[in-house]
Amino acid sequence: MAVFISFALCIMFTVISNVSFKLSVQNKDLKNFIFWQVIGNLTGFFSVIAYTYLLTLVPFYIGYALTTAFGQIFVQVFGAKWFFKEEILPSQWIGIILIMIGTLFLVKTK
């Protein structure tokens, strides 16, 4: 259960961090820019803390593969597609699926 929670927190904070950085550059107001930068950096820090804890529970190759791949996928799907309403092309969906398949191969090889 601790593995799932630390993994989920790492991914959640990664998505929030990336969305915050995008929001910061969309603001022309310095106050809002700084606000979203602070949120992005804080949640990025929390992501690193969750990831570091995850590495105490799983081998490095599994922790790195899962957090990198699923961080990429969730930022694209939840951040870009759902939050910012950016288009994800069919070829990009194929890439997302290939990332998932590749990650399964990395994790299941031992």
PDB file of N, CA and C in Angstrom:
ATOM      1  N   MET A   1       0.820  -1.196   0.000  1.00  0.00           N
ATOM      2  CA  MET A   1       0.000   0.000   0.000  1.00  0.00           C
ATOM      3  C   MET A   1       0.864   1.261   0.000  1.00  0.00           C
ATOM      4  N   ALA A   2       1.970   1.233   0.742  1.00  0.00           N
ATOM      5  CA  ALA A   2       2.863   2.395   0.786  1.00  0.00           C
ATOM      6  C   ALA A   2       3.466   2.678  -0.583  1.00  0.00           C
ATOM      7  N   VAL A   3       3.726   1.622  -1.352  1.00  0.00           N
ATOM      8  CA  VAL A   3       4.274   1.805  -2.704  1.00  0.00           C
ATOM      9  C   VAL A   3       3.264   2.554  -3.560  1.00  0.00           C
ATOM     10  N   PHE A   4       2.013   2.112  -3.526  1.00  0.00           N
ATOM     11  CA  PHE A   4       0.980   2.759  -4.335  1.00  0.00           C
ATOM     12  C   PHE A   4       0.787   4.214  -3.922  1.00  0.00           C
ATOM     13  N   ILE A   5       0.730   4.471  -2.628  1.00  0.00           N
ATOM     14  CA  ILE A   5       0.504   5.841  -2.148  1.00  0.00           C
ATOM     15  C   ILE A   5       1.660   6.753  -2.538  1.00  0.00           C
ATOM     16  N   SER A   6       2.889   6.318  -2.325  1.00  0.00           N
ATOM     17  CA  SER A   6       4.030   7.174  -2.679  1.00  0.00           C
ATOM     18  C   SER A   6       4.111   7.377  -4.189  1.00  0.00           C
ATOM     19  N   PHE A   7       3.809   6.331  -4.970  1.00  0.00           N
ATOM     20  CA  PHE A   7       3.788   6.458  -6.429  1.00  0.00           C
ATOM     21  C   PHE A   7       2.705   7.445  -6.859  1.00  0.00           C
ATOM     22  N   ALA A   8       1.496   7.290  -6.322  1.00  0.00           N
ATOM     23  CA  ALA A   8       0.386   8.174  -6.683  1.00  0.00           C
ATOM     24  C   ALA A   8       0.681   9.622  -6.300  1.00  0.00           C
ATOM     25  N   LEU A   9       1.252   9.836  -5.124  1.00  0.00           N
ATOM     26  CA  LEU A   9       1.602  11.198  -4.706  1.00  0.00           C
ATOM     27  C   LEU A   9       2.661  11.799  -5.623  1.00  0.00           C
ATOM     28  N   CYS A  10       3.649  11.006  -5.978  1.00  0.00           N
ATOM     29  CA  CYS A  10       4.703  11.483  -6.878  1.00  0.00           C
ATOM     30  C   CYS A  10       4.110  11.932  -8.211  1.00  0.00           C
ATOM     31  N   ILE A  11       3.240  11.115  -8.786  1.00  0.00           N
ATOM     32  CA  ILE A  11       2.631  11.449 -10.079  1.00  0.00           C
ATOM     33  C   ILE A  11       1.709  12.658  -9.934  1.00  0.00           C
ATOM     34  N   MET A  12       0.894  12.680  -8.891  1.00  0.00           N
ATOM     35  CA  MET A  12      -0.022  13.799  -8.682  1.00  0.00           C
ATOM     36  C   MET A  12       0.745  15.115  -8.551  1.00  0.00           C
ATOM     37  N   PHE A  13       1.780  15.128  -7.732  1.00  0.00           N
ATOM     38  CA  PHE A  13       2.562  16.349  -7.561  1.00  0.00           C
ATOM     39  C   PHE A  13       3.300  16.731  -8.846  1.00  0.00           C
ATOM     40  N   THR A  14       3.725  15.750  -9.622  1.00  0.00           N
ATOM     41  CA  THR A  14       4.374  16.034 -10.905  1.00  0.00           C
ATOM     42  C   THR A  14       3.412  16.734 -11.855  1.00  0.00           C
ATOM     43  N   VAL A  15       2.188  16.237 -11.928  1.00  0.00           N
ATOM     44  CA  VAL A  15       1.187  16.849 -12.808  1.00  0.00           C
ATOM     45  C   VAL A  15       0.870  18.265 -12.342  1.00  0.00           C
ATOM     46  N   ILE A  16       0.622  18.444 -11.056  1.00  0.00           N
ATOM     47  CA  ILE A  16       0.306  19.779 -10.529  1.00  0.00           C
ATOM     48  C   ILE A  16       1.466  20.734 -10.780  1.00  0.00           C
ATOM     49  N   SER A  17       2.669  20.270 -10.587  1.00  0.00           N
ATOM     50  CA  SER A  17       3.849  21.105 -10.813  1.00  0.00           C
ATOM     51  C   SER A  17       3.925  21.576 -12.261  1.00  0.00           C
ATOM     52  N   ASN A  18       3.767  20.656 -13.197  1.00  0.00           N
ATOM     53  CA  ASN A  18       3.853  21.022 -14.608  1.00  0.00           C
ATOM     54  C   ASN A  18       2.716  21.934 -15.043  1.00  0.00           C
ATOM     55  N   VAL A  19       1.512  21.674 -14.556  1.00  0.00           N
ATOM     56  CA  VAL A  19       0.377  22.552 -14.862  1.00  0.00           C
ATOM     57  C   VAL A  19       0.638  23.944 -14.292  1.00  0.00           C
ATOM     58  N   SER A  20       1.179  24.022 -13.092  1.00  0.00           N
ATOM     59  CA  SER A  20       1.475  25.319 -12.472  1.00  0.00           C
ATOM     60  C   SER A  20       2.498  26.114 -13.272  1.00  0.00           C
ATOM     61  N   PHE A  21       3.527  25.440 -13.770  1.00  0.00           N
ATOM     62  CA  PHE A  21       4.523  26.146 -14.584  1.00  0.00           C
ATOM     63  C   PHE A  21       3.902  26.687 -15.868  1.00  0.00           C
ATOM     64  N   LYS A  22       3.018  25.912 -16.476  1.00  0.00           N
ATOM     65  CA  LYS A  22       2.334  26.381 -17.686  1.00  0.00           C
ATOM     66  C   LYS A  22       1.446  27.579 -17.352  1.00  0.00           C
ATOM     67  N   LEU A  23       0.729  27.512 -16.235  1.00  0.00           N
ATOM     68  CA  LEU A  23      -0.110  28.637 -15.816  1.00  0.00           C
ATOM     69  C   LEU A  23       0.730  29.880 -15.541  1.00  0.00           C
ATOM     70  N   SER A  24       1.919  29.691 -15.002  1.00  0.00           N
ATOM     71  CA  SER A  24       2.765  30.844 -14.680  1.00  0.00           C
ATOM     72  C   SER A  24       3.166  31.616 -15.932  1.00  0.00           C
ATOM     73  N   VAL A  25       3.442  30.925 -17.014  1.00  0.00           N
ATOM     74  CA  VAL A  25       3.873  31.629 -18.230  1.00  0.00           C
ATOM     75  C   VAL A  25       2.702  32.172 -19.028  1.00  0.00           C
ATOM     76  N   GLN A  26       1.487  31.771 -18.689  1.00  0.00           N
ATOM     77  CA  GLN A  26       0.310  32.317 -19.360  1.00  0.00           C
ATOM     78  C   GLN A  26      -0.144  33.625 -18.735  1.00  0.00           C
ATOM     79  N   ASN A  27       0.397  33.965 -17.585  1.00  0.00           N
ATOM     80  CA  ASN A  27       0.010  35.188 -16.892  1.00  0.00           C
ATOM     81  C   ASN A  27       0.969  36.318 -17.223  1.00  0.00           C
ATOM     82  N   LYS A  28       0.405  37.447 -17.581  1.00  0.00           N
ATOM     83  CA  LYS A  28       1.226  38.637 -17.842  1.00  0.00           C
ATOM     84  C   LYS A  28       1.507  39.405 -16.551  1.00  0.00           C
ATOM     85  N   ASP A  29       0.716  39.130 -15.546  1.00  0.00           N
ATOM     86  CA  ASP A  29       0.848  39.785 -14.253  1.00  0.00           C
ATOM     87  C   ASP A  29       1.974  39.123 -13.450  1.00  0.00           C
ATOM     88  N   LEU A  30       2.919  39.908 -12.971  1.00  0.00           N
ATOM     89  CA  LEU A  30       4.068  39.386 -12.232  1.00  0.00           C
ATOM     90  C   LEU A  30       3.642  38.640 -10.965  1.00  0.00           C
ATOM     91  N   LYS A  31       2.619  39.156 -10.285  1.00  0.00           N
ATOM     92  CA  LYS A  31       2.155  38.520  -9.052  1.00  0.00           C
ATOM     93  C   LYS A  31       1.643  37.101  -9.332  1.00  0.00           C
ATOM     94  N   ASN A  32       0.841  36.931 -10.368  1.00  0.00           N
ATOM     95  CA  ASN A  32       0.338  35.601 -10.728  1.00  0.00           C
ATOM     96  C   ASN A  32       1.454  34.699 -11.231  1.00  0.00           C
ATOM     97  N   PHE A  33       2.388  35.270 -11.979  1.00  0.00           N
ATOM     98  CA  PHE A  33       3.527  34.497 -12.456  1.00  0.00           C
ATOM     99  C   PHE A  33       4.297  33.911 -11.277  1.00  0.00           C
ATOM    100  N   ILE A  34       4.604  34.754 -10.292  1.00  0.00           N
ATOM    101  CA  ILE A  34       5.353  34.301  -9.116  1.00  0.00           C
ATOM    102  C   ILE A  34       4.534  33.290  -8.313  1.00  0.00           C
ATOM    103  N   PHE A  35       3.227  33.553  -8.173  1.00  0.00           N
ATOM    104  CA  PHE A  35       2.362  32.626  -7.438  1.00  0.00           C
ATOM    105  C   PHE A  35       2.433  31.218  -8.031  1.00  0.00           C
ATOM    106  N   TRP A  36       2.238  31.110  -9.349  1.00  0.00           N
ATOM    107  CA  TRP A  36       2.240  29.789  -9.990  1.00  0.00           C
ATOM    108  C   TRP A  36       3.630  29.168 -10.014  1.00  0.00           C
ATOM    109  N   GLN A  37       4.671  29.985 -10.060  1.00  0.00           N
ATOM    110  CA  GLN A  37       6.028  29.451  -9.956  1.00  0.00           C
ATOM    111  C   GLN A  37       6.263  28.832  -8.575  1.00  0.00           C
ATOM    112  N   VAL A  38       5.791  29.511  -7.543  1.00  0.00           N
ATOM    113  CA  VAL A  38       5.942  28.992  -6.179  1.00  0.00           C
ATOM    114  C   VAL A  38       5.173  27.676  -6.034  1.00  0.00           C
ATOM    115  N   ILE A  39       3.934  27.645  -6.525  1.00  0.00           N
ATOM    116  CA  ILE A  39       3.139  26.411  -6.461  1.00  0.00           C
ATOM    117  C   ILE A  39       3.845  25.293  -7.227  1.00  0.00           C
ATOM    118  N   GLY A  40       4.333  25.606  -8.422  1.00  0.00           N
ATOM    119  CA  GLY A  40       5.027  24.603  -9.229  1.00  0.00           C
ATOM    120  C   GLY A  40       6.268  24.063  -8.549  1.00  0.00           C
ATOM    121  N   ASN A  41       7.040  24.950  -7.950  1.00  0.00           N
ATOM    122  CA  ASN A  41       8.264  24.506  -7.275  1.00  0.00           C
ATOM    123  C   ASN A  41       7.965  23.731  -5.991  1.00  0.00           C
ATOM    124  N   LEU A  42       6.967  24.159  -5.238  1.00  0.00           N
ATOM    125  CA  LEU A  42       6.605  23.426  -4.018  1.00  0.00           C
ATOM    126  C   LEU A  42       6.097  22.025  -4.345  1.00  0.00           C
ATOM    127  N   THR A  43       5.201  21.931  -5.318  1.00  0.00           N
ATOM    128  CA  THR A  43       4.682  20.606  -5.664  1.00  0.00           C
ATOM    129  C   THR A  43       5.763  19.748  -6.325  1.00  0.00           C
ATOM    130  N   GLY A  44       6.676  20.383  -7.044  1.00  0.00           N
ATOM    131  CA  GLY A  44       7.819  19.641  -7.578  1.00  0.00           C
ATOM    132  C   GLY A  44       8.678  19.079  -6.454  1.00  0.00           C
ATOM    133  N   PHE A  45       8.871  19.874  -5.408  1.00  0.00           N
ATOM    134  CA  PHE A  45       9.622  19.415  -4.235  1.00  0.00           C
ATOM    135  C   PHE A  45       8.916  18.236  -3.565  1.00  0.00           C
ATOM    136  N   PHE A  46       7.589  18.340  -3.409  1.00  0.00           N
ATOM    137  CA  PHE A  46       6.833  17.242  -2.803  1.00  0.00           C
ATOM    138  C   PHE A  46       6.900  15.983  -3.667  1.00  0.00           C
ATOM    139  N   SER A  47       6.939  16.174  -4.976  1.00  0.00           N
ATOM    140  CA  SER A  47       7.093  15.036  -5.888  1.00  0.00           C
ATOM    141  C   SER A  47       8.426  14.330  -5.654  1.00  0.00           C
ATOM    142  N   VAL A  48       9.478  15.109  -5.472  1.00  0.00           N
ATOM    143  CA  VAL A  48      10.805  14.537  -5.207  1.00  0.00           C
ATOM    144  C   VAL A  48      10.819  13.795  -3.868  1.00  0.00           C
ATOM    145  N   ILE A  49      10.157  14.338  -2.867  1.00  0.00           N
ATOM    146  CA  ILE A  49      10.084  13.667  -1.563  1.00  0.00           C
ATOM    147  C   ILE A  49       9.349  12.329  -1.701  1.00  0.00           C
ATOM    148  N   ALA A  50       8.216  12.330  -2.402  1.00  0.00           N
ATOM    149  CA  ALA A  50       7.462  11.084  -2.598  1.00  0.00           C
ATOM    150  C   ALA A  50       8.283  10.077  -3.397  1.00  0.00           C
ATOM    151  N   TYR A  51       8.998  10.563  -4.413  1.00  0.00           N
ATOM    152  CA  TYR A  51       9.838   9.680  -5.234  1.00  0.00           C
ATOM    153  C   TYR A  51      10.981   9.092  -4.404  1.00  0.00           C
ATOM    154  N   THR A  52      11.600   9.910  -3.588  1.00  0.00           N
ATOM    155  CA  THR A  52      12.693   9.436  -2.741  1.00  0.00           C
ATOM    156  C   THR A  52      12.200   8.355  -1.783  1.00  0.00           C
ATOM    157  N   TYR A  53      11.028   8.570  -1.220  1.00  0.00           N
ATOM    158  CA  TYR A  53      10.457   7.542  -0.342  1.00  0.00           C
ATOM    159  C   TYR A  53      10.140   6.273  -1.135  1.00  0.00           C
ATOM    160  N   LEU A  54       9.588   6.434  -2.338  1.00  0.00           N
ATOM    161  CA  LEU A  54       9.293   5.280  -3.190  1.00  0.00           C
ATOM    162  C   LEU A  54      10.545   4.440  -3.425  1.00  0.00           C
ATOM    163  N   LEU A  55      11.683   5.100  -3.591  1.00  0.00           N
ATOM    164  CA  LEU A  55      12.933   4.376  -3.842  1.00  0.00           C
ATOM    165  C   LEU A  55      13.400   3.552  -2.641  1.00  0.00           C
ATOM    166  N   THR A  56      12.859   3.838  -1.464  1.00  0.00           N
ATOM    167  CA  THR A  56      13.172   2.983  -0.313  1.00  0.00           C
ATOM    168  C   THR A  56      12.338   1.704  -0.327  1.00  0.00           C
ATOM    169  N   LEU A  57      11.309   1.671  -1.177  1.00  0.00           N
ATOM    170  CA  LEU A  57      10.377   0.543  -1.203  1.00  0.00           C
ATOM    171  C   LEU A  57      10.538  -0.373  -2.411  1.00  0.00           C
ATOM    172  N   VAL A  58      11.048   0.176  -3.509  1.00  0.00           N
ATOM    173  CA  VAL A  58      11.178  -0.608  -4.745  1.00  0.00           C
ATOM    174  C   VAL A  58      12.580  -0.425  -5.315  1.00  0.00           C
ATOM    175  N   PRO A  59      13.030  -1.346  -6.163  1.00  0.00           N
ATOM    176  CA  PRO A  59      14.325  -1.160  -6.824  1.00  0.00           C
ATOM    177  C   PRO A  59      14.320   0.097  -7.691  1.00  0.00           C
ATOM    178  N   PHE A  60      15.494   0.670  -7.855  1.00  0.00           N
ATOM    179  CA  PHE A  60      15.633   1.916  -8.610  1.00  0.00           C
ATOM    180  C   PHE A  60      15.068   1.806 -10.020  1.00  0.00           C
ATOM    181  N   TYR A  61      15.379   0.708 -10.723  1.00  0.00           N
ATOM    182  CA  TYR A  61      14.938   0.596 -12.115  1.00  0.00           C
ATOM    183  C   TYR A  61      13.416   0.580 -12.226  1.00  0.00           C
ATOM    184  N   ILE A  62      12.730   0.064 -11.220  1.00  0.00           N
ATOM    185  CA  ILE A  62      11.265   0.064 -11.239  1.00  0.00           C
ATOM    186  C   ILE A  62      10.729   1.448 -10.891  1.00  0.00           C
ATOM    187  N   GLY A  63      11.245   2.045  -9.834  1.00  0.00           N
ATOM    188  CA  GLY A  63      10.785   3.372  -9.428  1.00  0.00           C
ATOM    189  C   GLY A  63      10.987   4.407 -10.513  1.00  0.00           C
ATOM    190  N   TYR A  64      12.176   4.395 -11.117  1.00  0.00           N
ATOM    191  CA  TYR A  64      12.464   5.366 -12.170  1.00  0.00           C
ATOM    192  C   TYR A  64      11.580   5.134 -13.388  1.00  0.00           C
ATOM    193  N   ALA A  65      11.465   3.886 -13.821  1.00  0.00           N
ATOM    194  CA  ALA A  65      10.659   3.585 -15.007  1.00  0.00           C
ATOM    195  C   ALA A  65       9.204   3.989 -14.803  1.00  0.00           C
ATOM    196  N   LEU A  66       8.639   3.625 -13.678  1.00  0.00           N
ATOM    197  CA  LEU A  66       7.227   3.921 -13.438  1.00  0.00           C
ATOM    198  C   LEU A  66       6.953   5.410 -13.293  1.00  0.00           C
ATOM    199  N   THR A  67       7.752   6.099 -12.494  1.00  0.00           N
ATOM    200  CA  THR A  67       7.474   7.523 -12.280  1.00  0.00           C
ATOM    201  C   THR A  67       7.750   8.353 -13.527  1.00  0.00           C
ATOM    202  N   THR A  68       8.772   8.004 -14.275  1.00  0.00           N
ATOM    203  CA  THR A  68       9.074   8.757 -15.490  1.00  0.00           C
ATOM    204  C   THR A  68       7.999   8.535 -16.548  1.00  0.00           C
ATOM    205  N   ALA A  69       7.663   7.280 -16.790  1.00  0.00           N
ATOM    206  CA  ALA A  69       6.684   6.968 -17.831  1.00  0.00           C
ATOM    207  C   ALA A  69       5.297   7.489 -17.472  1.00  0.00           C
ATOM    208  N   PHE A  70       4.837   7.168 -16.283  1.00  0.00           N
ATOM    209  CA  PHE A  70       3.495   7.587 -15.916  1.00  0.00           C
ATOM    210  C   PHE A  70       3.408   9.084 -15.648  1.00  0.00           C
ATOM    211  N   GLY A  71       4.492   9.690 -15.209  1.00  0.00           N
ATOM    212  CA  GLY A  71       4.519  11.149 -15.109  1.00  0.00           C
ATOM    213  C   GLY A  71       4.315  11.779 -16.474  1.00  0.00           C
ATOM    214  N   GLN A  72       5.017  11.275 -17.472  1.00  0.00           N
ATOM    215  CA  GLN A  72       4.876  11.761 -18.852  1.00  0.00           C
ATOM    216  C   GLN A  72       3.442  11.578 -19.347  1.00  0.00           C
ATOM    217  N   ILE A  73       2.886  10.403 -19.127  1.00  0.00           N
ATOM    218  CA  ILE A  73       1.530  10.104 -19.598  1.00  0.00           C
ATOM    219  C   ILE A  73       0.502  10.991 -18.900  1.00  0.00           C
ATOM    220  N   PHE A  74       0.579  11.086 -17.590  1.00  0.00           N
ATOM    221  CA  PHE A  74      -0.422  11.857 -16.855  1.00  0.00           C
ATOM    222  C   PHE A  74      -0.313  13.352 -17.124  1.00  0.00           C
ATOM    223  N   VAL A  75       0.888  13.862 -17.317  1.00  0.00           N
ATOM    224  CA  VAL A  75       1.033  15.275 -17.675  1.00  0.00           C
ATOM    225  C   VAL A  75       0.382  15.529 -19.031  1.00  0.00           C
ATOM    226  N   GLN A  76       0.582  14.625 -19.982  1.00  0.00           N
ATOM    227  CA  GLN A  76      -0.028  14.798 -21.307  1.00  0.00           C
ATOM    228  C   GLN A  76      -1.542  14.703 -21.242  1.00  0.00           C
ATOM    229  N   VAL A  77      -2.049  13.660 -20.587  1.00  0.00           N
ATOM    230  CA  VAL A  77      -3.491  13.422 -20.597  1.00  0.00           C
ATOM    231  C   VAL A  77      -4.227  14.391 -19.678  1.00  0.00           C
ATOM    232  N   PHE A  78      -3.812  14.480 -18.420  1.00  0.00           N
ATOM    233  CA  PHE A  78      -4.537  15.332 -17.477  1.00  0.00           C
ATOM    234  C   PHE A  78      -4.160  16.806 -17.622  1.00  0.00           C
ATOM    235  N   GLY A  79      -2.888  17.064 -17.809  1.00  0.00           N
ATOM    236  CA  GLY A  79      -2.461  18.456 -17.939  1.00  0.00           C
ATOM    237  C   GLY A  79      -2.814  19.054 -19.283  1.00  0.00           C
ATOM    238  N   ALA A  80      -2.241  18.479 -20.341  1.00  0.00           N
ATOM    239  CA  ALA A  80      -2.416  19.061 -21.678  1.00  0.00           C
ATOM    240  C   ALA A  80      -3.832  18.873 -22.201  1.00  0.00           C
ATOM    241  N   LYS A  81      -4.318  17.648 -22.210  1.00  0.00           N
ATOM    242  CA  LYS A  81      -5.615  17.354 -22.836  1.00  0.00           C
ATOM    243  C   LYS A  81      -6.783  17.869 -22.015  1.00  0.00           C
ATOM    244  N   TRP A  82      -6.863  17.493 -20.758  1.00  0.00           N
ATOM    245  CA  TRP A  82      -8.044  17.825 -19.976  1.00  0.00           C
ATOM    246  C   TRP A  82      -7.994  19.224 -19.383  1.00  0.00           C
ATOM    247  N   PHE A  83      -6.865  19.641 -18.853  1.00  0.00           N
ATOM    248  CA  PHE A  83      -6.808  20.943 -18.187  1.00  0.00           C
ATOM    249  C   PHE A  83      -6.677  22.084 -19.184  1.00  0.00           C
ATOM    250  N   PHE A  84      -5.747  21.954 -20.133  1.00  0.00           N
ATOM    251  CA  PHE A  84      -5.504  23.036 -21.085  1.00  0.00           C
ATOM    252  C   PHE A  84      -6.236  22.849 -22.405  1.00  0.00           C
ATOM    253  N   LYS A  85      -6.959  21.757 -22.555  1.00  0.00           N
ATOM    254  CA  LYS A  85      -7.749  21.476 -23.770  1.00  0.00           C
ATOM    255  C   LYS A  85      -6.883  21.455 -25.024  1.00  0.00           C
ATOM    256  N   GLU A  86      -5.633  21.010 -24.880  1.00  0.00           N
ATOM    257  CA  GLU A  86      -4.746  20.891 -26.034  1.00  0.00           C
ATOM    258  C   GLU A  86      -5.042  19.583 -26.759  1.00  0.00           C
ATOM    259  N   GLU A  87      -4.901  19.613 -28.065  1.00  0.00           N
ATOM    260  CA  GLU A  87      -5.184  18.428 -28.868  1.00  0.00           C
ATOM    261  C   GLU A  87      -4.037  17.422 -28.761  1.00  0.00           C
ATOM    262  N   ILE A  88      -4.397  16.167 -28.603  1.00  0.00           N
ATOM    263  CA  ILE A  88      -3.427  15.080 -28.680  1.00  0.00           C
ATOM    264  C   ILE A  88      -3.764  14.300 -29.942  1.00  0.00           C
ATOM    265  N   LEU A  89      -2.844  14.287 -30.878  1.00  0.00           N
ATOM    266  CA  LEU A  89      -3.052  13.644 -32.175  1.00  0.00           C
ATOM    267  C   LEU A  89      -3.070  12.123 -32.031  1.00  0.00           C
ATOM    268  N   PRO A  90      -3.692  11.428 -32.985  1.00  0.00           N
ATOM    269  CA  PRO A  90      -3.694   9.960 -32.940  1.00  0.00           C
ATOM    270  C   PRO A  90      -2.288   9.365 -32.832  1.00  0.00           C
ATOM    271  N   SER A  91      -1.341   9.938 -33.530  1.00  0.00           N
ATOM    272  CA  SER A  91       0.035   9.426 -33.446  1.00  0.00           C
ATOM    273  C   SER A  91       0.603   9.618 -32.039  1.00  0.00           C
ATOM    274  N   GLN A  92       0.190  10.679 -31.361  1.00  0.00           N
ATOM    275  CA  GLN A  92       0.649  10.904 -29.991  1.00  0.00           C
ATOM    276  C   GLN A  92      -0.005   9.917 -29.019  1.00  0.00           C
ATOM    277  N   TRP A  93      -1.282   9.571 -29.260  1.00  0.00           N
ATOM    278  CA  TRP A  93      -1.935   8.540 -28.447  1.00  0.00           C
ATOM    279  C   TRP A  93      -1.209   7.206 -28.607  1.00  0.00           C
ATOM    280  N   ILE A  94      -0.790   6.914 -29.837  1.00  0.00           N
ATOM    281  CA  ILE A  94      -0.019   5.690 -30.076  1.00  0.00           C
ATOM    282  C   ILE A  94       1.281   5.740 -29.276  1.00  0.00           C
ATOM    283  N   GLY A  95       1.926   6.898 -29.260  1.00  0.00           N
ATOM    284  CA  GLY A  95       3.143   7.059 -28.466  1.00  0.00           C
ATOM    285  C   GLY A  95       2.901   6.831 -26.988  1.00  0.00           C
ATOM    286  N   ILE A  96       1.781   7.324 -26.480  1.00  0.00           N
ATOM    287  CA  ILE A  96       1.426   7.120 -25.072  1.00  0.00           C
ATOM    288  C   ILE A  96       1.253   5.630 -24.782  1.00  0.00           C
ATOM    289  N   ILE A  97       0.572   4.936 -25.678  1.00  0.00           N
ATOM    290  CA  ILE A  97       0.377   3.491 -25.514  1.00  0.00           C
ATOM    291  C   ILE A  97       1.718   2.758 -25.553  1.00  0.00           C
ATOM    292  N   LEU A  98       2.599   3.171 -26.466  1.00  0.00           N
ATOM    293  CA  LEU A  98       3.914   2.533 -26.554  1.00  0.00           C
ATOM    294  C   LEU A  98       4.749   2.776 -25.296  1.00  0.00           C
ATOM    295  N   ILE A  99       4.626   3.963 -24.713  1.00  0.00           N
ATOM    296  CA  ILE A  99       5.317   4.244 -23.450  1.00  0.00           C
ATOM    297  C   ILE A  99       4.830   3.276 -22.373  1.00  0.00           C
ATOM    298  N   MET A 100       3.516   3.076 -22.308  1.00  0.00           N
ATOM    299  CA  MET A 100       2.955   2.163 -21.312  1.00  0.00           C
ATOM    300  C   MET A 100       3.454   0.733 -21.530  1.00  0.00           C
ATOM    301  N   ILE A 101       3.443   0.288 -22.784  1.00  0.00           N
ATOM    302  CA  ILE A 101       3.910  -1.067 -23.089  1.00  0.00           C
ATOM    303  C   ILE A 101       5.399  -1.203 -22.771  1.00  0.00           C
ATOM    304  N   GLY A 102       6.187  -0.218 -23.170  1.00  0.00           N
ATOM    305  CA  GLY A 102       7.620  -0.251 -22.889  1.00  0.00           C
ATOM    306  C   GLY A 102       7.918  -0.286 -21.406  1.00  0.00           C
ATOM    307  N   THR A 103       7.144   0.455 -20.634  1.00  0.00           N
ATOM    308  CA  THR A 103       7.335   0.464 -19.188  1.00  0.00           C
ATOM    309  C   THR A 103       7.029  -0.907 -18.590  1.00  0.00           C
ATOM    310  N   LEU A 104       5.992  -1.547 -19.091  1.00  0.00           N
ATOM    311  CA  LEU A 104       5.683  -2.894 -18.613  1.00  0.00           C
ATOM    312  C   LEU A 104       6.833  -3.855 -18.893  1.00  0.00           C
ATOM    313  N   PHE A 105       7.462  -3.734 -20.061  1.00  0.00           N
ATOM    314  CA  PHE A 105       8.621  -4.572 -20.372  1.00  0.00           C
ATOM    315  C   PHE A 105       9.781  -4.288 -19.417  1.00  0.00           C
ATOM    316  N   LEU A 106      10.010  -3.016 -19.112  1.00  0.00           N
ATOM    317  CA  LEU A 106      11.100  -2.667 -18.195  1.00  0.00           C
ATOM    318  C   LEU A 106      10.873  -3.241 -16.805  1.00  0.00           C
ATOM    319  N   VAL A 107       9.659  -3.140 -16.341  1.00  0.00           N
ATOM    320  CA  VAL A 107       9.348  -3.561 -14.978  1.00  0.00           C
ATOM    321  C   VAL A 107       9.285  -5.083 -14.863  1.00  0.00           C
ATOM    322  N   LYS A 108       8.855  -5.761 -15.901  1.00  0.00           N
ATOM    323  CA  LYS A 108       8.656  -7.217 -15.849  1.00  0.00           C
ATOM    324  C   LYS A 108       9.869  -8.026 -16.305  1.00  0.00           C
ATOM    325  N   THR A 109      10.999  -7.393 -16.619  1.00  0.00           N
ATOM    326  CA  THR A 109      12.136  -8.132 -17.163  1.00  0.00           C
ATOM    327  C   THR A 109      12.881  -8.976 -16.144  1.00  0.00           C
ATOM    328  N   LYS A 110      12.788  -8.676 -14.880  1.00  0.00           N
ATOM    329  CA  LYS A 110      13.542  -9.455 -13.876  1.00  0.00           C
ATOM    330  C   LYS A 110      12.659 -10.461 -13.196  1.00  0.00           C
TER     331      LYS A 110
END
